[in-house]
Amino acid sequence: MTKILPSSAALRWAAENAGSEASARVVRHLAGGTHAITHLLETERPARHMVLRRYPAGDDAAAREAAILKALDGLDGWAPKLIDVDPVGRRTGEPSILITRVPGRADITSMSPARAAEQLGRVLARIHAVPLARFSRLRDGMVAVPPSATGQVPAAVLAADGHRLRAEEAVLTHYDYWSGNVLWDNQTIAGIVDWSGASRAPRGFDVSWCRLDLVLLHGDAAAEIFLASYQQAARIAVPDIALWDLFALTNAYSTVETWQPNYASLGRADLTAADLRTRHTAWTHKCLTRYQQA
């Protein structure tokens, strides 16, 4: 998805929400993902910053994200607040959501992998502690992405034991918890963004997905620090972590090379598509061995 600038209609819509007679203007494109085109906007009278996220035609992600953000109500400052939503693009020309700006920036290069992993674990535990009762409608994440058996993961593994994952306790999952969806301020996590996929699912869904991201970025040690930090903060051990790791690897098998632009836009242009595939394959072998020895 390109960084196409918002339409004049979208900028007028943002200005109206800010109470400004003058059109909003684009400050910059915000990196970190490819599902939505995201821009920081500002108005002058009154002075206000907002974030505009635009999705492809027919995508219901804007409506889903709006519902999640309304229920989260800022998550004690760690999540954006909803300003307005144009779910099918009647005002803006494409499904769009307007949200508050969370301080900080996506950053995967300026701190040690250990420090990043430790904080990622603690913050994810906070997300999983949000009561599900706050959400009137929350999709079942394990139905949206069911366990499959493709790629290098033997079909017998998830076919035989995948039911164990579905049976685990459900929590609020971010559903795309990786380093690019976390904002940092002075090497401290300041916020979590991109809530469009949030779902009911077992905690292992987010944990294994973030572990895979950390392996691709930094190696196995960061993934283990993250897991230890998460379990300490959540005061619970993640059951079937080896099986969950295989679940995440399977879901990433056919797309892992396509993540390269996301990492490059955040400062890791050294990671090539071939590097991502090699690291994915190596982690698969290690997780299969761990699973077989469990």
Protein backbone atom coordinates (compact mmCIF):
# COMPACT_ATOMS: atom_id res chain seq x y z
CA MET A 1 0.00 0.00 0.00
CA THR A 2 1.40 3.37 -0.97
CA LYS A 3 1.61 6.49 1.13
CA ILE A 4 -1.11 8.28 -0.89
CA LEU A 5 -2.06 11.53 0.78
CA PRO A 6 -5.55 11.94 2.27
CA SER A 7 -8.21 13.47 0.07
CA SER A 8 -9.38 17.04 0.61
CA ALA A 9 -12.67 15.56 1.87
CA ALA A 10 -10.81 13.58 4.52
CA LEU A 11 -8.91 16.67 5.64
CA ARG A 12 -12.17 18.67 5.89
CA TRP A 13 -13.72 15.84 7.94
CA ALA A 14 -10.77 15.94 10.33
CA ALA A 15 -10.99 19.73 10.63
CA GLU A 16 -14.69 19.56 11.44
CA ASN A 17 -13.98 17.13 14.23
CA ALA A 18 -11.35 19.49 15.61
CA GLY A 19 -13.76 22.42 15.44
CA SER A 20 -11.57 24.19 12.90
CA GLU A 21 -12.88 26.23 9.99
CA ALA A 22 -9.62 25.78 8.10
CA SER A 23 -8.80 22.39 6.56
CA ALA A 24 -6.46 20.08 8.44
CA ARG A 25 -3.02 19.53 6.99
CA VAL A 26 -0.78 16.50 6.80
CA VAL A 27 2.26 16.58 9.08
CA ARG A 28 3.77 13.26 8.01
CA HIS A 29 3.15 9.65 7.12
CA LEU A 30 3.47 7.27 10.08
CA ALA A 31 5.43 4.12 9.43
CA GLY A 32 4.94 0.72 10.98
CA GLY A 33 2.46 -1.28 8.92
CA THR A 34 0.83 -1.84 5.56
CA HIS A 35 -2.81 -2.66 6.38
CA ALA A 36 -3.80 0.99 6.83
CA ILE A 37 -2.36 4.20 5.44
CA THR A 38 -1.70 6.32 8.52
CA HIS A 39 -0.98 10.05 8.67
CA LEU A 40 -0.47 12.55 11.46
CA LEU A 41 -2.67 15.61 10.89
CA GLU A 42 -2.83 19.00 12.54
CA THR A 43 -5.14 22.01 12.71
CA GLU A 44 -4.26 25.54 13.78
CA ARG A 45 -7.42 27.11 15.23
CA PRO A 46 -7.72 25.27 17.53
CA ALA A 47 -4.25 23.73 17.57
CA ARG A 48 -4.73 20.00 17.58
CA HIS A 49 -2.97 16.84 16.40
CA MET A 50 -4.92 13.80 15.23
CA VAL A 51 -4.12 10.54 13.48
CA LEU A 52 -6.02 9.49 10.37
CA ARG A 53 -6.03 5.81 9.41
CA ARG A 54 -7.49 4.79 6.04
CA TYR A 55 -8.33 1.27 4.89
CA PRO A 56 -9.08 -0.32 1.50
CA ALA A 57 -12.64 -0.12 0.18
CA GLY A 58 -14.86 -2.80 1.64
CA ASP A 59 -12.60 -3.40 4.65
CA ASP A 60 -14.48 -3.38 7.98
CA ALA A 61 -11.33 -2.70 10.02
CA ALA A 62 -12.22 0.96 10.63
CA ALA A 63 -15.52 0.01 12.24
CA ARG A 64 -13.89 -2.75 14.29
CA GLU A 65 -11.10 -0.51 15.51
CA ALA A 66 -13.56 2.22 16.44
CA ALA A 67 -15.56 -0.19 18.61
CA ILE A 68 -12.42 -1.47 20.34
CA LEU A 69 -11.04 1.99 21.04
CA LYS A 70 -14.36 3.17 22.42
CA ALA A 71 -14.37 0.28 24.90
CA LEU A 72 -10.70 0.73 25.83
CA ASP A 73 -11.25 4.44 26.51
CA GLY A 74 -7.55 5.18 26.25
CA LEU A 75 -6.31 2.20 28.31
CA ASP A 76 -4.83 4.53 30.93
CA GLY A 77 -3.06 6.50 28.21
CA TRP A 78 -1.61 3.52 26.36
CA ALA A 79 -4.15 3.45 23.54
CA PRO A 80 -5.54 6.18 21.28
CA LYS A 81 -9.03 7.51 21.91
CA LEU A 82 -11.66 7.50 19.21
CA ILE A 83 -12.54 10.87 17.69
CA ASP A 84 -14.73 9.75 14.79
CA VAL A 85 -15.15 6.95 12.29
CA ASP A 86 -16.28 6.88 8.67
CA PRO A 87 -16.81 3.11 8.41
CA VAL A 88 -17.53 2.85 4.69
CA GLY A 89 -16.02 6.09 3.44
CA ARG A 90 -19.12 8.21 2.87
CA ARG A 91 -17.30 11.35 4.02
CA THR A 92 -13.73 10.53 3.10
CA GLY A 93 -13.96 8.20 0.10
CA GLU A 94 -12.58 5.16 1.94
CA PRO A 95 -13.12 3.51 5.34
CA SER A 96 -11.39 5.79 7.82
CA ILE A 97 -10.91 6.34 11.50
CA LEU A 98 -9.78 9.50 13.27
CA ILE A 99 -8.05 9.01 16.62
CA THR A 100 -6.03 10.94 19.17
CA ARG A 101 -2.28 11.01 18.92
CA VAL A 102 -0.42 8.83 21.40
CA PRO A 103 3.00 10.24 22.39
CA GLY A 104 6.09 8.47 21.17
CA ARG A 105 7.20 6.77 17.98
CA ALA A 106 7.71 3.30 16.61
CA ASP A 107 11.31 2.37 17.35
CA ILE A 108 13.12 -0.94 16.89
CA THR A 109 16.71 0.28 16.75
CA SER A 110 17.65 2.62 19.61
CA MET A 111 17.45 0.32 22.63
CA SER A 112 18.88 -3.02 23.57
CA PRO A 113 16.87 -6.09 22.53
CA ALA A 114 16.72 -7.19 26.17
CA ARG A 115 15.22 -3.88 27.33
CA ALA A 116 12.70 -3.87 24.51
CA ALA A 117 11.68 -7.48 25.13
CA GLU A 118 11.26 -6.97 28.88
CA GLN A 119 8.96 -3.98 28.41
CA LEU A 120 6.98 -5.64 25.63
CA GLY A 121 6.23 -8.51 27.98
CA ARG A 122 5.03 -6.32 30.82
CA VAL A 123 2.78 -4.20 28.59
CA LEU A 124 1.20 -7.22 26.94
CA ALA A 125 0.28 -8.57 30.37
CA ARG A 126 -1.53 -5.28 31.01
CA ILE A 127 -3.52 -5.64 27.78
CA HIS A 128 -4.51 -9.20 28.62
CA ALA A 129 -5.75 -8.04 32.03
CA VAL A 130 -8.50 -5.84 30.49
CA PRO A 131 -11.86 -7.45 31.40
CA LEU A 132 -13.64 -8.96 28.42
CA ALA A 133 -16.93 -7.69 29.90
CA ARG A 134 -16.02 -4.20 28.64
CA PHE A 135 -16.62 -5.33 25.06
CA SER A 136 -20.16 -5.91 23.83
CA ARG A 137 -19.02 -7.60 20.65
CA LEU A 138 -15.56 -9.06 20.19
CA ARG A 139 -14.77 -11.55 17.47
CA ASP A 140 -13.43 -15.00 18.25
CA GLY A 141 -9.81 -14.80 17.17
CA MET A 142 -9.34 -18.53 16.91
CA VAL A 143 -12.16 -18.70 14.38
CA ALA A 144 -10.72 -15.77 12.42
CA VAL A 145 -7.32 -17.50 12.18
CA PRO A 146 -7.80 -21.19 13.00
CA PRO A 147 -4.85 -23.52 13.53
CA SER A 148 -3.67 -24.82 10.19
CA ALA A 149 -0.97 -27.18 9.05
CA THR A 150 0.98 -25.72 6.18
CA GLY A 151 4.60 -25.06 5.37
CA GLN A 152 7.27 -26.77 7.40
CA VAL A 153 5.07 -27.61 10.37
CA PRO A 154 4.08 -31.28 10.12
CA ALA A 155 0.36 -31.67 9.61
CA ALA A 156 0.17 -34.10 12.51
CA VAL A 157 1.26 -31.49 15.08
CA LEU A 158 -1.61 -29.01 14.90
CA ALA A 159 -4.07 -31.57 13.60
CA ALA A 160 -3.51 -33.69 16.70
CA ASP A 161 -3.07 -31.02 19.36
CA GLY A 162 -4.55 -27.80 17.98
CA HIS A 163 -7.72 -28.39 20.01
CA ARG A 164 -5.67 -27.71 23.16
CA LEU A 165 -5.06 -24.14 22.01
CA ARG A 166 -8.73 -23.45 21.28
CA ALA A 167 -9.71 -24.75 24.72
CA GLU A 168 -7.53 -22.31 26.67
CA GLU A 169 -8.89 -19.30 28.57
CA ALA A 170 -9.71 -16.34 26.34
CA VAL A 171 -8.42 -12.83 27.04
CA LEU A 172 -8.42 -9.57 25.12
CA THR A 173 -5.76 -10.06 22.45
CA HIS A 174 -4.31 -7.24 20.40
CA TYR A 175 -3.92 -9.77 17.57
CA ASP A 176 -0.97 -8.04 15.92
CA TYR A 177 1.31 -7.37 18.86
CA TRP A 178 4.72 -6.76 17.31
CA SER A 179 7.43 -4.14 17.70
CA GLY A 180 6.02 -1.86 14.99
CA ASN A 181 2.69 -1.42 16.80
CA VAL A 182 4.31 -0.15 19.99
CA LEU A 183 5.29 3.49 20.51
CA TRP A 184 8.29 4.46 22.61
CA ASP A 185 9.14 7.68 24.43
CA ASN A 186 12.64 7.97 25.88
CA GLN A 187 13.11 4.17 25.68
CA THR A 188 9.89 3.52 27.56
CA ILE A 189 6.72 2.17 26.00
CA ALA A 190 4.24 5.03 25.70
CA GLY A 191 1.42 3.43 23.73
CA ILE A 192 0.07 0.61 21.60
CA VAL A 193 -1.58 1.26 18.24
CA ASP A 194 -3.45 -0.59 15.47
CA TRP A 195 -6.30 -2.20 17.39
CA SER A 196 -8.38 -3.17 14.37
CA GLY A 197 -7.81 -6.89 14.87
CA ALA A 198 -8.41 -7.08 18.63
CA SER A 199 -10.23 -10.30 19.52
CA ARG A 200 -11.08 -12.87 22.14
CA ALA A 201 -8.35 -15.50 22.05
CA PRO A 202 -6.00 -17.32 24.39
CA ARG A 203 -3.02 -15.31 25.65
CA GLY A 204 -0.65 -17.56 23.71
CA PHE A 205 -1.82 -16.00 20.47
CA ASP A 206 -0.24 -12.60 21.21
CA VAL A 207 2.69 -14.09 23.11
CA SER A 208 3.80 -16.39 20.30
CA TRP A 209 3.31 -13.71 17.64
CA CYS A 210 5.52 -11.25 19.51
CA ARG A 211 8.09 -13.98 20.18
CA LEU A 212 8.33 -14.64 16.45
CA ASP A 213 8.78 -10.92 15.77
CA LEU A 214 11.57 -10.71 18.33
CA VAL A 215 13.31 -13.76 16.89
CA LEU A 216 13.23 -12.21 13.43
CA LEU A 217 14.56 -8.90 14.73
CA HIS A 218 16.97 -9.91 17.46
CA GLY A 219 17.21 -13.67 17.96
CA ASP A 220 16.01 -16.35 20.37
CA ALA A 221 17.34 -14.70 23.54
CA ALA A 222 15.01 -11.71 23.16
CA ALA A 223 12.02 -14.03 22.74
CA GLU A 224 12.86 -15.82 25.98
CA ILE A 225 13.31 -12.56 27.91
CA PHE A 226 9.95 -11.41 26.62
CA LEU A 227 8.24 -14.62 27.73
CA ALA A 228 9.76 -14.47 31.20
CA SER A 229 8.76 -10.82 31.60
CA TYR A 230 5.22 -11.51 30.42
CA GLN A 231 4.72 -14.46 32.73
CA GLN A 232 6.09 -12.56 35.72
CA ALA A 233 3.81 -9.59 35.07
CA ALA A 234 0.75 -11.71 34.27
CA ARG A 235 1.47 -14.06 37.19
CA ILE A 236 0.65 -17.02 35.01
CA ALA A 237 2.61 -19.42 32.84
CA VAL A 238 1.58 -19.55 29.20
CA PRO A 239 0.41 -23.12 28.61
CA ASP A 240 1.58 -25.02 25.54
CA ILE A 241 4.09 -22.33 24.54
CA ALA A 242 5.91 -24.68 22.14
CA LEU A 243 2.64 -25.46 20.39
CA TRP A 244 1.72 -21.77 20.28
CA ASP A 245 5.08 -20.97 18.72
CA LEU A 246 4.34 -23.50 15.99
CA PHE A 247 0.92 -21.92 15.53
CA ALA A 248 2.48 -18.47 14.96
CA LEU A 249 5.12 -19.88 12.63
CA THR A 250 2.46 -21.62 10.57
CA ASN A 251 0.39 -18.45 10.23
CA ALA A 252 3.46 -16.52 9.12
CA TYR A 253 4.83 -19.19 6.81
CA SER A 254 3.48 -17.87 3.51
CA THR A 255 3.98 -14.15 4.24
CA VAL A 256 7.12 -13.70 6.31
CA GLU A 257 9.17 -12.31 3.39
CA THR A 258 6.55 -9.60 2.85
CA TRP A 259 7.28 -8.18 6.30
CA GLN A 260 10.61 -6.83 5.07
CA PRO A 261 9.25 -3.37 4.07
CA ASN A 262 7.71 -2.95 7.54
CA TYR A 263 11.04 -3.59 9.23
CA ALA A 264 12.92 -1.47 6.70
CA SER A 265 10.63 1.52 7.29
CA LEU A 266 11.49 1.33 10.99
CA GLY A 267 15.24 1.32 10.46
CA ARG A 268 16.08 -2.34 9.86
CA ALA A 269 16.85 -2.22 6.15
CA ASP A 270 19.64 -4.72 6.88
CA LEU A 271 17.03 -7.47 7.21
CA THR A 272 16.35 -8.88 3.77
CA ALA A 273 13.43 -11.07 2.77
CA ALA A 274 15.88 -13.97 2.57
CA ASP A 275 17.06 -13.25 6.13
CA LEU A 276 13.48 -13.36 7.39
CA ARG A 277 12.87 -16.71 5.71
CA THR A 278 16.12 -18.14 7.10
CA ARG A 279 15.29 -17.02 10.64
CA HIS A 280 11.73 -18.29 10.32
CA THR A 281 13.03 -21.69 9.23
CA ALA A 282 15.58 -21.91 12.04
CA TRP A 283 12.98 -20.96 14.67
CA THR A 284 10.61 -23.56 13.23
CA HIS A 285 13.21 -26.29 13.70
CA LYS A 286 13.91 -25.22 17.28
CA CYS A 287 10.23 -25.03 18.18
CA LEU A 288 9.51 -28.41 16.63
CA THR A 289 12.31 -29.93 18.69
CA ARG A 290 11.01 -28.26 21.86
CA TYR A 291 7.50 -29.48 21.13
CA GLN A 292 8.66 -33.03 20.52
CA GLN A 293 10.64 -33.04 23.78
CA ALA A 294 7.82 -31.62 25.88
